[in-house]
All heavy atoms as atom14 arrays in JSON, in Angstrom:
{
  "sequence": "AGETMLEVAEAASRFGILEDTIRFWARSYECGKKD",
  "atom14_mask": [
    [1, 1, 1, 1, 1, 0, 0, 0, 0, 0, 0, 0, 0, 0],
    [1, 1, 1, 1, 0, 0, 0, 0, 0, 0, 0, 0, 0, 0],
    [1, 1, 1, 1, 1, 1, 1, 1, 1, 0, 0, 0, 0, 0],
    [1, 1, 1, 1, 1, 1, 1, 0, 0, 0, 0, 0, 0, 0],
    [1, 1, 1, 1, 1, 1, 1, 1, 0, 0, 0, 0, 0, 0],
    [1, 1, 1, 1, 1, 1, 1, 1, 0, 0, 0, 0, 0, 0],
    [1, 1, 1, 1, 1, 1, 1, 1, 1, 0, 0, 0, 0, 0],
    [1, 1, 1, 1, 1, 1, 1, 0, 0, 0, 0, 0, 0, 0],
    [1, 1, 1, 1, 1, 0, 0, 0, 0, 0, 0, 0, 0, 0],
    [1, 1, 1, 1, 1, 1, 1, 1, 1, 0, 0, 0, 0, 0],
    [1, 1, 1, 1, 1, 0, 0, 0, 0, 0, 0, 0, 0, 0],
    [1, 1, 1, 1, 1, 0, 0, 0, 0, 0, 0, 0, 0, 0],
    [1, 1, 1, 1, 1, 1, 0, 0, 0, 0, 0, 0, 0, 0],
    [1, 1, 1, 1, 1, 1, 1, 1, 1, 1, 1, 0, 0, 0],
    [1, 1, 1, 1, 1, 1, 1, 1, 1, 1, 1, 0, 0, 0],
    [1, 1, 1, 1, 0, 0, 0, 0, 0, 0, 0, 0, 0, 0],
    [1, 1, 1, 1, 1, 1, 1, 1, 0, 0, 0, 0, 0, 0],
    [1, 1, 1, 1, 1, 1, 1, 1, 0, 0, 0, 0, 0, 0],
    [1, 1, 1, 1, 1, 1, 1, 1, 1, 0, 0, 0, 0, 0],
    [1, 1, 1, 1, 1, 1, 1, 1, 0, 0, 0, 0, 0, 0],
    [1, 1, 1, 1, 1, 1, 1, 0, 0, 0, 0, 0, 0, 0],
    [1, 1, 1, 1, 1, 1, 1, 1, 0, 0, 0, 0, 0, 0],
    [1, 1, 1, 1, 1, 1, 1, 1, 1, 1, 1, 0, 0, 0],
    [1, 1, 1, 1, 1, 1, 1, 1, 1, 1, 1, 0, 0, 0],
    [1, 1, 1, 1, 1, 1, 1, 1, 1, 1, 1, 1, 1, 1],
    [1, 1, 1, 1, 1, 0, 0, 0, 0, 0, 0, 0, 0, 0],
    [1, 1, 1, 1, 1, 1, 1, 1, 1, 1, 1, 0, 0, 0],
    [1, 1, 1, 1, 1, 1, 0, 0, 0, 0, 0, 0, 0, 0],
    [1, 1, 1, 1, 1, 1, 1, 1, 1, 1, 1, 1, 0, 0],
    [1, 1, 1, 1, 1, 1, 1, 1, 1, 0, 0, 0, 0, 0],
    [1, 1, 1, 1, 1, 1, 0, 0, 0, 0, 0, 0, 0, 0],
    [1, 1, 1, 1, 0, 0, 0, 0, 0, 0, 0, 0, 0, 0],
    [1, 1, 1, 1, 1, 1, 1, 1, 1, 0, 0, 0, 0, 0],
    [1, 1, 1, 1, 1, 1, 1, 1, 1, 0, 0, 0, 0, 0],
    [1, 1, 1, 1, 1, 1, 1, 1, 0, 0, 0, 0, 0, 0]
  ],
  "atom14_positions": [
    [[10.74, -9.14, -2.7], [11.97, -9.35, -1.93], [12.88, -8.13, -2.07], [13.08, -7.62, -3.16], [12.68, -10.62, -2.41], [0.0, 0.0, 0.0], [0.0, 0.0, 0.0], [0.0, 0.0, 0.0], [0.0, 0.0, 0.0], [0.0, 0.0, 0.0], [0.0, 0.0, 0.0], [0.0, 0.0, 0.0], [0.0, 0.0, 0.0], [0.0, 0.0, 0.0]],
    [[13.4, -7.67, -0.96], [14.32, -6.56, -0.97], [13.66, -5.19, -1.0], [14.33, -4.18, -0.93], [0.0, 0.0, 0.0], [0.0, 0.0, 0.0], [0.0, 0.0, 0.0], [0.0, 0.0, 0.0], [0.0, 0.0, 0.0], [0.0, 0.0, 0.0], [0.0, 0.0, 0.0], [0.0, 0.0, 0.0], [0.0, 0.0, 0.0], [0.0, 0.0, 0.0]],
    [[12.33, -5.14, -1.11], [11.63, -3.86, -1.13], [11.17, -3.5, 0.28], [10.85, -4.36, 1.08], [10.43, -3.91, -2.07], [10.83, -4.1, -3.51], [9.68, -3.85, -4.47], [8.96, -2.86, -4.28], [9.52, -4.66, -5.4], [0.0, 0.0, 0.0], [0.0, 0.0, 0.0], [0.0, 0.0, 0.0], [0.0, 0.0, 0.0], [0.0, 0.0, 0.0]],
    [[11.12, -2.19, 0.54], [10.63, -1.72, 1.83], [9.1, -1.79, 1.8], [8.47, -1.2, 0.91], [11.07, -0.26, 2.08], [12.49, -0.22, 2.02], [10.59, 0.22, 3.43], [0.0, 0.0, 0.0], [0.0, 0.0, 0.0], [0.0, 0.0, 0.0], [0.0, 0.0, 0.0], [0.0, 0.0, 0.0], [0.0, 0.0, 0.0], [0.0, 0.0, 0.0]],
    [[8.53, -2.52, 2.74], [7.08, -2.72, 2.79], [6.49, -1.96, 3.96], [7.08, -1.89, 5.03], [6.76, -4.21, 2.91], [7.36, -5.1, 1.84], [6.73, -4.78, 0.18], [5.11, -5.51, 0.3], [0.0, 0.0, 0.0], [0.0, 0.0, 0.0], [0.0, 0.0, 0.0], [0.0, 0.0, 0.0], [0.0, 0.0, 0.0], [0.0, 0.0, 0.0]],
    [[5.31, -1.39, 3.74], [4.58, -0.67, 4.78], [3.16, -1.21, 4.87], [2.61, -1.67, 3.86], [4.48, 0.82, 4.45], [5.75, 1.64, 4.36], [5.41, 3.06, 3.91], [6.46, 1.66, 5.69], [0.0, 0.0, 0.0], [0.0, 0.0, 0.0], [0.0, 0.0, 0.0], [0.0, 0.0, 0.0], [0.0, 0.0, 0.0], [0.0, 0.0, 0.0]],
    [[2.57, -1.12, 6.05], [1.14, -1.43, 6.16], [0.37, -0.3, 5.49], [0.87, 0.83, 5.37], [0.74, -1.59, 7.61], [1.25, -2.88, 8.21], [0.59, -3.22, 9.54], [-0.32, -2.49, 9.98], [1.0, -4.22, 10.14], [0.0, 0.0, 0.0], [0.0, 0.0, 0.0], [0.0, 0.0, 0.0], [0.0, 0.0, 0.0], [0.0, 0.0, 0.0]],
    [[-0.85, -0.59, 5.09], [-1.66, 0.37, 4.33], [-1.85, 1.68, 5.1], [-1.7, 2.77, 4.53], [-3.03, -0.27, 3.97], [-3.98, 0.77, 3.42], [-2.82, -1.38, 2.97], [0.0, 0.0, 0.0], [0.0, 0.0, 0.0], [0.0, 0.0, 0.0], [0.0, 0.0, 0.0], [0.0, 0.0, 0.0], [0.0, 0.0, 0.0], [0.0, 0.0, 0.0]],
    [[-2.17, 1.6, 6.39], [-2.42, 2.82, 7.16], [-1.17, 3.71, 7.19], [-1.27, 4.94, 7.05], [-2.85, 2.46, 8.58], [0.0, 0.0, 0.0], [0.0, 0.0, 0.0], [0.0, 0.0, 0.0], [0.0, 0.0, 0.0], [0.0, 0.0, 0.0], [0.0, 0.0, 0.0], [0.0, 0.0, 0.0], [0.0, 0.0, 0.0], [0.0, 0.0, 0.0]],
    [[-0.02, 3.12, 7.37], [1.23, 3.89, 7.41], [1.52, 4.52, 6.04], [1.93, 5.68, 5.95], [2.39, 3.01, 7.85], [3.67, 3.77, 8.07], [4.81, 2.9, 8.57], [4.56, 1.76, 9.01], [5.96, 3.37, 8.51], [0.0, 0.0, 0.0], [0.0, 0.0, 0.0], [0.0, 0.0, 0.0], [0.0, 0.0, 0.0], [0.0, 0.0, 0.0]],
    [[1.31, 3.74, 4.97], [1.54, 4.27, 3.62], [0.57, 5.41, 3.32], [0.96, 6.43, 2.75], [1.4, 3.16, 2.59], [0.0, 0.0, 0.0], [0.0, 0.0, 0.0], [0.0, 0.0, 0.0], [0.0, 0.0, 0.0], [0.0, 0.0, 0.0], [0.0, 0.0, 0.0], [0.0, 0.0, 0.0], [0.0, 0.0, 0.0], [0.0, 0.0, 0.0]],
    [[-0.69, 5.26, 3.73], [-1.69, 6.3, 3.49], [-1.29, 7.59, 4.21], [-1.38, 8.69, 3.66], [-3.06, 5.83, 3.94], [0.0, 0.0, 0.0], [0.0, 0.0, 0.0], [0.0, 0.0, 0.0], [0.0, 0.0, 0.0], [0.0, 0.0, 0.0], [0.0, 0.0, 0.0], [0.0, 0.0, 0.0], [0.0, 0.0, 0.0], [0.0, 0.0, 0.0]],
    [[-0.84, 7.44, 5.43], [-0.42, 8.6, 6.21], [0.82, 9.25, 5.6], [0.89, 10.47, 5.47], [-0.12, 8.16, 7.65], [0.43, 9.21, 8.39], [0.0, 0.0, 0.0], [0.0, 0.0, 0.0], [0.0, 0.0, 0.0], [0.0, 0.0, 0.0], [0.0, 0.0, 0.0], [0.0, 0.0, 0.0], [0.0, 0.0, 0.0], [0.0, 0.0, 0.0]],
    [[1.79, 8.44, 5.21], [3.04, 8.97, 4.67], [2.84, 9.7, 3.34], [3.43, 10.74, 3.1], [4.03, 7.83, 4.48], [5.38, 8.32, 3.94], [6.33, 7.19, 3.69], [6.85, 6.67, 4.95], [7.86, 5.84, 5.04], [8.45, 5.41, 3.94], [8.28, 5.41, 6.21], [0.0, 0.0, 0.0], [0.0, 0.0, 0.0], [0.0, 0.0, 0.0]],
    [[1.97, 9.14, 2.46], [1.82, 9.7, 1.12], [0.58, 10.57, 0.95], [0.38, 11.16, -0.11], [1.81, 8.58, 0.08], [3.08, 7.79, 0.05], [3.1, 6.47, 0.43], [4.28, 8.39, -0.33], [4.28, 5.73, 0.41], [5.46, 7.67, -0.35], [5.46, 6.34, 0.02], [0.0, 0.0, 0.0], [0.0, 0.0, 0.0], [0.0, 0.0, 0.0]],
    [[-0.28, 10.65, 1.97], [-1.48, 11.48, 1.87], [-2.5, 10.93, 0.9], [-3.21, 11.68, 0.23], [0.0, 0.0, 0.0], [0.0, 0.0, 0.0], [0.0, 0.0, 0.0], [0.0, 0.0, 0.0], [0.0, 0.0, 0.0], [0.0, 0.0, 0.0], [0.0, 0.0, 0.0], [0.0, 0.0, 0.0], [0.0, 0.0, 0.0], [0.0, 0.0, 0.0]],
    [[-2.6, 9.62, 0.81], [-3.53, 8.94, -0.09], [-4.51, 8.14, 0.79], [-4.11, 7.6, 1.82], [-2.79, 7.97, -1.04], [-1.68, 8.69, -1.81], [-3.75, 7.26, -1.97], [-2.15, 9.6, -2.89], [0.0, 0.0, 0.0], [0.0, 0.0, 0.0], [0.0, 0.0, 0.0], [0.0, 0.0, 0.0], [0.0, 0.0, 0.0], [0.0, 0.0, 0.0]],
    [[-5.76, 8.04, 0.39], [-6.74, 7.27, 1.15], [-6.32, 5.8, 1.26], [-5.77, 5.23, 0.31], [-8.11, 7.35, 0.5], [-8.79, 8.71, 0.48], [-10.07, 8.64, -0.34], [-9.08, 9.17, 1.9], [0.0, 0.0, 0.0], [0.0, 0.0, 0.0], [0.0, 0.0, 0.0], [0.0, 0.0, 0.0], [0.0, 0.0, 0.0], [0.0, 0.0, 0.0]],
    [[-6.63, 5.2, 2.4], [-6.29, 3.78, 2.61], [-6.96, 2.9, 1.57], [-6.33, 1.95, 1.07], [-6.71, 3.33, 4.02], [-5.83, 3.89, 5.11], [-6.2, 3.34, 6.48], [-6.74, 2.22, 6.57], [-5.93, 4.05, 7.47], [0.0, 0.0, 0.0], [0.0, 0.0, 0.0], [0.0, 0.0, 0.0], [0.0, 0.0, 0.0], [0.0, 0.0, 0.0]],
    [[-8.21, 3.19, 1.23], [-8.9, 2.38, 0.21], [-8.18, 2.44, -1.13], [-8.1, 1.45, -1.85], [-10.35, 2.84, 0.06], [-11.22, 2.45, 1.24], [-10.84, 1.52, 1.97], [-12.28, 3.07, 1.42], [0.0, 0.0, 0.0], [0.0, 0.0, 0.0], [0.0, 0.0, 0.0], [0.0, 0.0, 0.0], [0.0, 0.0, 0.0], [0.0, 0.0, 0.0]],
    [[-7.65, 3.6, -1.47], [-6.91, 3.76, -2.73], [-5.63, 2.94, -2.69], [-5.3, 2.25, -3.66], [-6.6, 5.24, -2.98], [-7.83, 5.96, -3.02], [-5.85, 5.43, -4.28], [0.0, 0.0, 0.0], [0.0, 0.0, 0.0], [0.0, 0.0, 0.0], [0.0, 0.0, 0.0], [0.0, 0.0, 0.0], [0.0, 0.0, 0.0], [0.0, 0.0, 0.0]],
    [[-4.92, 3.0, -1.56], [-3.68, 2.23, -1.42], [-3.98, 0.74, -1.56], [-3.26, 0.02, -2.26], [-3.01, 2.51, -0.05], [-2.62, 3.99, 0.08], [-1.82, 1.59, 0.17], [-1.43, 4.41, -0.72], [0.0, 0.0, 0.0], [0.0, 0.0, 0.0], [0.0, 0.0, 0.0], [0.0, 0.0, 0.0], [0.0, 0.0, 0.0], [0.0, 0.0, 0.0]],
    [[-5.05, 0.27, -0.91], [-5.43, -1.15, -1.01], [-5.77, -1.52, -2.45], [-5.39, -2.58, -2.94], [-6.62, -1.45, -0.1], [-6.24, -1.98, 1.22], [-7.47, -2.47, 2.02], [-7.33, -1.94, 3.35], [-7.84, -0.8, 3.8], [-8.57, -0.06, 3.03], [-7.63, -0.41, 5.03], [0.0, 0.0, 0.0], [0.0, 0.0, 0.0], [0.0, 0.0, 0.0]],
    [[-6.5, -0.63, -3.13], [-6.87, -0.87, -4.53], [-5.62, -0.99, -5.4], [-5.5, -1.9, -6.23], [-7.78, 0.26, -5.04], [-8.1, 0.16, -6.5], [-9.03, -0.76, -6.95], [-7.46, 0.97, -7.42], [-9.33, -0.87, -8.3], [-7.75, 0.88, -8.77], [-8.69, -0.05, -9.21], [0.0, 0.0, 0.0], [0.0, 0.0, 0.0], [0.0, 0.0, 0.0]],
    [[-4.67, -0.1, -5.2], [-3.42, -0.15, -5.97], [-2.67, -1.44, -5.66], [-2.08, -2.06, -6.56], [-2.54, 1.03, -5.65], [-3.03, 2.34, -6.19], [-4.08, 2.55, -7.05], [-2.52, 3.63, -5.9], [-4.23, 3.88, -7.3], [-3.29, 4.57, -6.61], [-1.48, 4.09, -5.1], [-3.05, 5.94, -6.55], [-1.24, 5.45, -5.03], [-2.02, 6.36, -5.76]],
    [[-2.67, -1.85, -4.4], [-1.97, -3.07, -4.01], [-2.54, -4.27, -4.76], [-1.8, -5.12, -5.25], [-2.08, -3.28, -2.5], [0.0, 0.0, 0.0], [0.0, 0.0, 0.0], [0.0, 0.0, 0.0], [0.0, 0.0, 0.0], [0.0, 0.0, 0.0], [0.0, 0.0, 0.0], [0.0, 0.0, 0.0], [0.0, 0.0, 0.0], [0.0, 0.0, 0.0]],
    [[-3.87, -4.32, -4.84], [-4.52, -5.44, -5.53], [-4.42, -5.34, -7.05], [-4.11, -6.31, -7.73], [-6.01, -5.51, -5.15], [-6.29, -5.99, -3.77], [-7.79, -6.26, -3.59], [-8.63, -5.18, -4.04], [-9.04, -4.15, -3.29], [-8.67, -4.07, -2.05], [-9.82, -3.22, -3.79], [0.0, 0.0, 0.0], [0.0, 0.0, 0.0], [0.0, 0.0, 0.0]],
    [[-4.71, -4.17, -7.57], [-4.89, -4.01, -9.02], [-3.61, -3.72, -9.79], [-3.51, -4.06, -10.96], [-5.89, -2.88, -9.28], [-7.1, -3.15, -8.64], [0.0, 0.0, 0.0], [0.0, 0.0, 0.0], [0.0, 0.0, 0.0], [0.0, 0.0, 0.0], [0.0, 0.0, 0.0], [0.0, 0.0, 0.0], [0.0, 0.0, 0.0], [0.0, 0.0, 0.0]],
    [[-2.65, -3.08, -9.16], [-1.44, -2.67, -9.87], [-0.18, -3.33, -9.32], [0.93, -2.84, -9.55], [-1.3, -1.14, -9.83], [-2.44, -0.43, -10.53], [-3.45, 0.17, -9.78], [-2.53, -0.42, -11.91], [-4.5, 0.81, -10.41], [-3.58, 0.21, -12.54], [-4.57, 0.82, -11.8], [-5.62, 1.44, -12.42], [0.0, 0.0, 0.0], [0.0, 0.0, 0.0]],
    [[-0.36, -4.4, -8.58], [0.76, -5.16, -8.02], [1.72, -4.27, -7.22], [2.93, -4.39, -7.32], [1.5, -5.91, -9.12], [0.64, -6.95, -9.8], [1.38, -7.72, -10.88], [2.59, -7.53, -11.05], [0.72, -8.53, -11.54], [0.0, 0.0, 0.0], [0.0, 0.0, 0.0], [0.0, 0.0, 0.0], [0.0, 0.0, 0.0], [0.0, 0.0, 0.0]],
    [[1.13, -3.4, -6.42], [1.93, -2.53, -5.56], [2.08, -3.13, -4.17], [2.76, -2.56, -3.33], [1.26, -1.15, -5.44], [1.28, -0.22, -6.97], [0.0, 0.0, 0.0], [0.0, 0.0, 0.0], [0.0, 0.0, 0.0], [0.0, 0.0, 0.0], [0.0, 0.0, 0.0], [0.0, 0.0, 0.0], [0.0, 0.0, 0.0], [0.0, 0.0, 0.0]],
    [[1.41, -4.24, -3.92], [1.48, -4.81, -2.58], [0.98, -6.24, -2.56], [0.62, -6.82, -3.59], [0.0, 0.0, 0.0], [0.0, 0.0, 0.0], [0.0, 0.0, 0.0], [0.0, 0.0, 0.0], [0.0, 0.0, 0.0], [0.0, 0.0, 0.0], [0.0, 0.0, 0.0], [0.0, 0.0, 0.0], [0.0, 0.0, 0.0], [0.0, 0.0, 0.0]],
    [[0.98, -6.79, -1.37], [0.53, -8.17, -1.18], [-0.15, -8.29, 0.18], [0.1, -7.5, 1.08], [1.71, -9.14, -1.27], [2.74, -8.94, -0.16], [3.89, -9.91, -0.3], [4.92, -9.66, 0.79], [6.04, -10.6, 0.69], [0.0, 0.0, 0.0], [0.0, 0.0, 0.0], [0.0, 0.0, 0.0], [0.0, 0.0, 0.0], [0.0, 0.0, 0.0]],
    [[-0.99, -9.29, 0.3], [-1.67, -9.53, 1.57], [-0.82, -10.47, 2.4], [-0.41, -11.53, 1.95], [-3.04, -10.14, 1.31], [-3.98, -10.02, 2.46], [-5.39, -10.34, 2.03], [-6.36, -9.89, 3.1], [-7.73, -10.11, 2.68], [0.0, 0.0, 0.0], [0.0, 0.0, 0.0], [0.0, 0.0, 0.0], [0.0, 0.0, 0.0], [0.0, 0.0, 0.0]],
    [[-0.53, -10.07, 3.63], [0.25, -10.88, 4.55], [-0.57, -12.1, 4.94], [-1.69, -11.96, 5.44], [0.63, -10.06, 5.78], [1.58, -10.78, 6.69], [1.25, -11.9, 7.13], [2.66, -10.24, 6.96], [0.0, 0.0, 0.0], [0.0, 0.0, 0.0], [0.0, 0.0, 0.0], [0.0, 0.0, 0.0], [0.0, 0.0, 0.0], [0.0, 0.0, 0.0]]
  ]
}
């Protein structure tokens, strides 16, 4: 709540990180959630 959320593709593009890595971080390091 209150955090700016991005879809994986947008985050990957913005930060220059692979989409699979972003998804992995979302699942494993509580960096994101599945809508």
